[in-house]
C-alpha atoms as a PDB file:
ATOM      1  CA  MET A   1       9.031  12.057  53.574  1.00  0.00           C
ATOM      2  CA  GLN A   2       9.441   8.800  51.797  1.00  0.00           C
ATOM      3  CA  SER A   3       7.941   8.389  48.432  1.00  0.00           C
ATOM      4  CA  GLU A   4       5.678   5.360  47.761  1.00  0.00           C
ATOM      5  CA  PRO A   5       6.781   2.820  45.553  1.00  0.00           C
ATOM      6  CA  SER A   6       4.991   3.265  42.156  1.00  0.00           C
ATOM      7  CA  ARG A   7       2.434   0.642  41.340  1.00  0.00           C
ATOM      8  CA  SER A   8       0.784   0.076  37.946  1.00  0.00           C
ATOM      9  CA  PRO A   9      -3.010   0.376  37.834  1.00  0.00           C
ATOM     10  CA  SER A  10      -4.883  -2.992  37.917  1.00  0.00           C
ATOM     11  CA  LEU A  11      -6.616  -4.375  34.940  1.00  0.00           C
ATOM     12  CA  ARG A  12      -9.951  -3.272  36.540  1.00  0.00           C
ATOM     13  CA  ASP A  13      -8.529   0.168  37.096  1.00  0.00           C
ATOM     14  CA  ARG A  14      -7.433   0.452  33.584  1.00  0.00           C
ATOM     15  CA  VAL A  15     -10.783  -0.673  32.248  1.00  0.00           C
ATOM     16  CA  HIS A  16     -12.531   1.763  34.623  1.00  0.00           C
ATOM     17  CA  ASP A  17     -10.324   4.672  33.568  1.00  0.00           C
ATOM     18  CA  GLN A  18     -10.861   3.993  29.837  1.00  0.00           C
ATOM     19  CA  LEU A  19     -14.708   3.560  30.186  1.00  0.00           C
ATOM     20  CA  ARG A  20     -14.921   6.695  32.518  1.00  0.00           C
ATOM     21  CA  SER A  21     -13.012   8.811  29.972  1.00  0.00           C
ATOM     22  CA  ARG A  22     -15.244   7.554  27.114  1.00  0.00           C
ATOM     23  CA  ILE A  23     -18.377   8.487  28.995  1.00  0.00           C
ATOM     24  CA  ILE A  24     -17.036  11.847  30.123  1.00  0.00           C
ATOM     25  CA  ASP A  25     -15.959  12.595  26.614  1.00  0.00           C
ATOM     26  CA  LEU A  26     -19.591  11.557  25.467  1.00  0.00           C
ATOM     27  CA  GLU A  27     -18.239   8.842  23.159  1.00  0.00           C
ATOM     28  CA  LEU A  28     -20.481   6.799  25.282  1.00  0.00           C
ATOM     29  CA  PRO A  29     -23.497   9.152  25.644  1.00  0.00           C
ATOM     30  CA  PRO A  30     -26.228   8.988  28.387  1.00  0.00           C
ATOM     31  CA  GLY A  31     -28.542   6.238  27.913  1.00  0.00           C
ATOM     32  CA  HIS A  32     -26.000   3.984  25.862  1.00  0.00           C
ATOM     33  CA  ARG A  33     -26.117   0.376  26.752  1.00  0.00           C
ATOM     34  CA  ILE A  34     -22.783  -1.313  27.480  1.00  0.00           C
ATOM     35  CA  THR A  35     -22.892  -4.761  26.574  1.00  0.00           C
ATOM     36  CA  GLU A  36     -20.404  -7.015  28.373  1.00  0.00           C
ATOM     37  CA  ARG A  37     -19.679  -9.188  25.463  1.00  0.00           C
ATOM     38  CA  GLU A  38     -18.798  -6.049  22.955  1.00  0.00           C
ATOM     39  CA  ALA A  39     -16.996  -3.966  25.859  1.00  0.00           C
ATOM     40  CA  SER A  40     -14.876  -6.791  26.774  1.00  0.00           C
ATOM     41  CA  ALA A  41     -13.872  -7.724  23.315  1.00  0.00           C
ATOM     42  CA  GLU A  42     -13.272  -3.947  22.419  1.00  0.00           C
ATOM     43  CA  LEU A  43     -11.137  -3.416  25.575  1.00  0.00           C
ATOM     44  CA  GLY A  44      -9.300  -6.834  25.245  1.00  0.00           C
ATOM     45  CA  VAL A  45     -10.221  -8.104  28.689  1.00  0.00           C
ATOM     46  CA  SER A  46     -12.334 -10.772  30.142  1.00  0.00           C
ATOM     47  CA  ARG A  47     -15.684  -9.904  31.780  1.00  0.00           C
ATOM     48  CA  VAL A  48     -14.417 -10.112  35.292  1.00  0.00           C
ATOM     49  CA  PRO A  49     -12.410  -6.866  35.284  1.00  0.00           C
ATOM     50  CA  LEU A  50     -15.034  -5.375  33.058  1.00  0.00           C
ATOM     51  CA  ARG A  51     -17.907  -6.121  35.658  1.00  0.00           C
ATOM     52  CA  GLU A  52     -15.579  -4.835  38.597  1.00  0.00           C
ATOM     53  CA  ALA A  53     -15.020  -1.583  36.663  1.00  0.00           C
ATOM     54  CA  LEU A  54     -18.807  -1.322  35.853  1.00  0.00           C
ATOM     55  CA  ARG A  55     -19.353  -1.485  39.648  1.00  0.00           C
ATOM     56  CA  LEU A  56     -16.900   1.284  40.219  1.00  0.00           C
ATOM     57  CA  LEU A  57     -18.569   3.338  37.697  1.00  0.00           C
ATOM     58  CA  GLU A  58     -21.969   2.675  39.175  1.00  0.00           C
ATOM     59  CA  ALA A  59     -20.685   3.856  42.539  1.00  0.00           C
ATOM     60  CA  GLU A  60     -19.636   7.155  40.777  1.00  0.00           C
ATOM     61  CA  GLY A  61     -22.933   7.698  39.274  1.00  0.00           C
ATOM     62  CA  LEU A  62     -21.777   7.422  35.829  1.00  0.00           C
ATOM     63  CA  VAL A  63     -23.485   3.868  34.926  1.00  0.00           C
ATOM     64  CA  VAL A  64     -26.741   2.377  36.044  1.00  0.00           C
ATOM     65  CA  LEU A  65     -26.558  -1.529  36.452  1.00  0.00           C
ATOM     66  CA  VAL A  66     -29.942  -2.924  35.421  1.00  0.00           C
ATOM     67  CA  PRO A  67     -30.549  -6.614  36.509  1.00  0.00           C
ATOM     68  CA  ARG A  68     -30.952  -8.950  33.401  1.00  0.00           C
ATOM     69  CA  GLN A  69     -30.218  -6.027  31.102  1.00  0.00           C
ATOM     70  CA  GLY A  70     -26.710  -4.883  31.719  1.00  0.00           C
ATOM     71  CA  ALA A  71     -25.077  -1.505  32.206  1.00  0.00           C
ATOM     72  CA  MET A  72     -26.372   1.912  30.831  1.00  0.00           C
ATOM     73  CA  VAL A  73     -24.593   5.045  30.966  1.00  0.00           C
ATOM     74  CA  ALA A  74     -26.283   7.323  33.352  1.00  0.00           C
ATOM     75  CA  SER A  75     -28.397  10.430  32.402  1.00  0.00           C
ATOM     76  CA  TRP A  76     -27.965  13.567  34.520  1.00  0.00           C
ATOM     77  CA  SER A  77     -30.349  16.297  34.955  1.00  0.00           C
ATOM     78  CA  ARG A  78     -29.482  19.920  35.150  1.00  0.00           C
ATOM     79  CA  GLU A  79     -30.211  19.790  38.914  1.00  0.00           C
ATOM     80  CA  ASP A  80     -27.987  16.729  39.296  1.00  0.00           C
ATOM     81  CA  ILE A  81     -25.060  18.526  37.877  1.00  0.00           C
ATOM     82  CA  VAL A  82     -25.695  21.672  39.717  1.00  0.00           C
ATOM     83  CA  ARG A  83     -25.716  19.743  43.133  1.00  0.00           C
ATOM     84  CA  LEU A  84     -22.569  17.825  42.067  1.00  0.00           C
ATOM     85  CA  PHE A  85     -20.676  21.001  41.479  1.00  0.00           C
ATOM     86  CA  GLU A  86     -21.893  22.477  44.826  1.00  0.00           C
ATOM     87  CA  VAL A  87     -20.341  19.627  46.515  1.00  0.00           C
ATOM     88  CA  ARG A  88     -17.250  19.322  44.335  1.00  0.00           C
ATOM     89  CA  GLU A  89     -16.634  23.102  44.867  1.00  0.00           C
ATOM     90  CA  GLU A  90     -16.521  22.684  48.623  1.00  0.00           C
ATOM     91  CA  LEU A  91     -14.274  19.470  48.468  1.00  0.00           C
ATOM     92  CA  GLU A  92     -11.806  20.813  46.154  1.00  0.00           C
ATOM     93  CA  THR A  93     -11.379  24.107  48.166  1.00  0.00           C
ATOM     94  CA  LEU A  94     -10.664  21.883  50.941  1.00  0.00           C
ATOM     95  CA  ALA A  95      -8.302  19.837  49.073  1.00  0.00           C
ATOM     96  CA  ALA A  96      -6.317  22.875  47.711  1.00  0.00           C
ATOM     97  CA  ARG A  97      -6.014  24.268  51.286  1.00  0.00           C
ATOM     98  CA  LEU A  98      -4.543  20.992  52.625  1.00  0.00           C
ATOM     99  CA  ALA A  99      -2.384  20.458  49.597  1.00  0.00           C
ATOM    100  CA  ALA A 100      -0.829  23.919  49.957  1.00  0.00           C
ATOM    101  CA  THR A 101       0.456  22.921  53.469  1.00  0.00           C
ATOM    102  CA  ARG A 102       1.178  19.191  52.917  1.00  0.00           C
ATOM    103  CA  ARG A 103       2.447  18.958  49.254  1.00  0.00           C
ATOM    104  CA  THR A 104       5.982  17.709  48.479  1.00  0.00           C
ATOM    105  CA  ASP A 105       8.322  19.058  45.853  1.00  0.00           C
ATOM    106  CA  ALA A 106       7.331  15.999  43.647  1.00  0.00           C
ATOM    107  CA  ASP A 107       3.683  17.067  43.930  1.00  0.00           C
ATOM    108  CA  LEU A 108       4.539  20.453  42.794  1.00  0.00           C
ATOM    109  CA  ARG A 109       6.468  19.117  39.756  1.00  0.00           C
ATOM    110  CA  ARG A 110       3.618  16.785  38.945  1.00  0.00           C
ATOM    111  CA  MET A 111       1.003  19.623  39.059  1.00  0.00           C
ATOM    112  CA  ARG A 112       3.301  21.928  37.040  1.00  0.00           C
ATOM    113  CA  ALA A 113       3.728  19.301  34.412  1.00  0.00           C
ATOM    114  CA  LEU A 114       0.052  18.774  34.207  1.00  0.00           C
ATOM    115  CA  LEU A 115      -0.511  22.411  33.816  1.00  0.00           C
ATOM    116  CA  ASP A 116       2.024  22.550  30.960  1.00  0.00           C
ATOM    117  CA  ASP A 117       0.230  19.664  29.257  1.00  0.00           C
ATOM    118  CA  ALA A 118      -3.080  21.572  29.569  1.00  0.00           C
ATOM    119  CA  GLU A 119      -1.356  24.714  27.989  1.00  0.00           C
ATOM    120  CA  HIS A 120       0.031  22.807  25.166  1.00  0.00           C
ATOM    121  CA  ALA A 121      -3.496  21.012  24.670  1.00  0.00           C
ATOM    122  CA  LEU A 122      -5.052  24.390  24.628  1.00  0.00           C
ATOM    123  CA  LYS A 123      -2.835  25.736  22.283  1.00  0.00           C
ATOM    124  CA  ALA A 124      -3.364  22.792  19.975  1.00  0.00           C
ATOM    125  CA  ASP A 125      -7.250  23.030  20.413  1.00  0.00           C
ATOM    126  CA  ASP A 126      -7.246  19.384  21.517  1.00  0.00           C
ATOM    127  CA  GLU A 127     -10.199  19.102  23.870  1.00  0.00           C
ATOM    128  CA  SER A 128      -9.594  15.623  24.810  1.00  0.00           C
ATOM    129  CA  ALA A 129      -6.080  16.164  25.992  1.00  0.00           C
ATOM    130  CA  THR A 130      -7.139  19.575  27.705  1.00  0.00           C
ATOM    131  CA  ALA A 131      -9.814  17.592  29.592  1.00  0.00           C
ATOM    132  CA  ALA A 132      -7.446  14.873  30.518  1.00  0.00           C
ATOM    133  CA  ALA A 133      -4.639  17.226  31.828  1.00  0.00           C
ATOM    134  CA  ASN A 134      -7.454  19.153  33.784  1.00  0.00           C
ATOM    135  CA  ALA A 135      -8.674  15.945  35.371  1.00  0.00           C
ATOM    136  CA  GLY A 136      -5.063  14.904  36.238  1.00  0.00           C
ATOM    137  CA  PHE A 137      -4.380  18.161  37.725  1.00  0.00           C
ATOM    138  CA  HIS A 138      -7.444  18.038  40.028  1.00  0.00           C
ATOM    139  CA  ARG A 139      -6.406  14.426  40.992  1.00  0.00           C
ATOM    140  CA  ALA A 140      -2.843  15.579  41.737  1.00  0.00           C
ATOM    141  CA  VAL A 141      -4.101  18.339  44.025  1.00  0.00           C
ATOM    142  CA  VAL A 142      -6.188  15.875  45.997  1.00  0.00           C
ATOM    143  CA  ALA A 143      -3.153  13.352  46.078  1.00  0.00           C
ATOM    144  CA  ALA A 144      -1.062  16.231  47.475  1.00  0.00           C
ATOM    145  CA  CYS A 145      -3.425  16.406  50.590  1.00  0.00           C
ATOM    146  CA  GLY A 146      -1.489  13.472  51.948  1.00  0.00           C
ATOM    147  CA  ASN A 147      -4.464  11.604  53.138  1.00  0.00           C
ATOM    148  CA  PRO A 148      -4.106   7.989  52.203  1.00  0.00           C
ATOM    149  CA  SER A 149      -7.831   7.596  51.251  1.00  0.00           C
ATOM    150  CA  SER A 150      -7.622  10.714  48.990  1.00  0.00           C
ATOM    151  CA  SER A 151      -5.115   9.270  46.438  1.00  0.00           C
ATOM    152  CA  ALA A 152      -7.128   6.044  45.674  1.00  0.00           C
END
């Protein structure tokens, strides 16, 4: 199996990842208003990639875009979280089963490295690095499924 050429993430993707991490880490708590001017200045980008990233975050349910008011970090109820994890449990079980039969040696090396990162982060009591390694591991499992749409 040939490996795909590595591509660097687009500016939109980098902004998305930064905002997503800040939302997940609760640096931007539920209900927090994200102003385009402040966010674009803080992230060092124009408003175009910021708006694109905000639309992606809205599609993920992490941000609510309110006309003429801007973006706000979404609030989640306990029921929302339970439903999310019910679906996620089923999808990740399927992803793991597919990855077990379709993975490459490179996939295994990537997952091993992420598990090592998580172990080091746990020993250092670094919650942010632990969460990042955990999220990376789950993305690596999904990518190992071999479905083109699963590695987006």
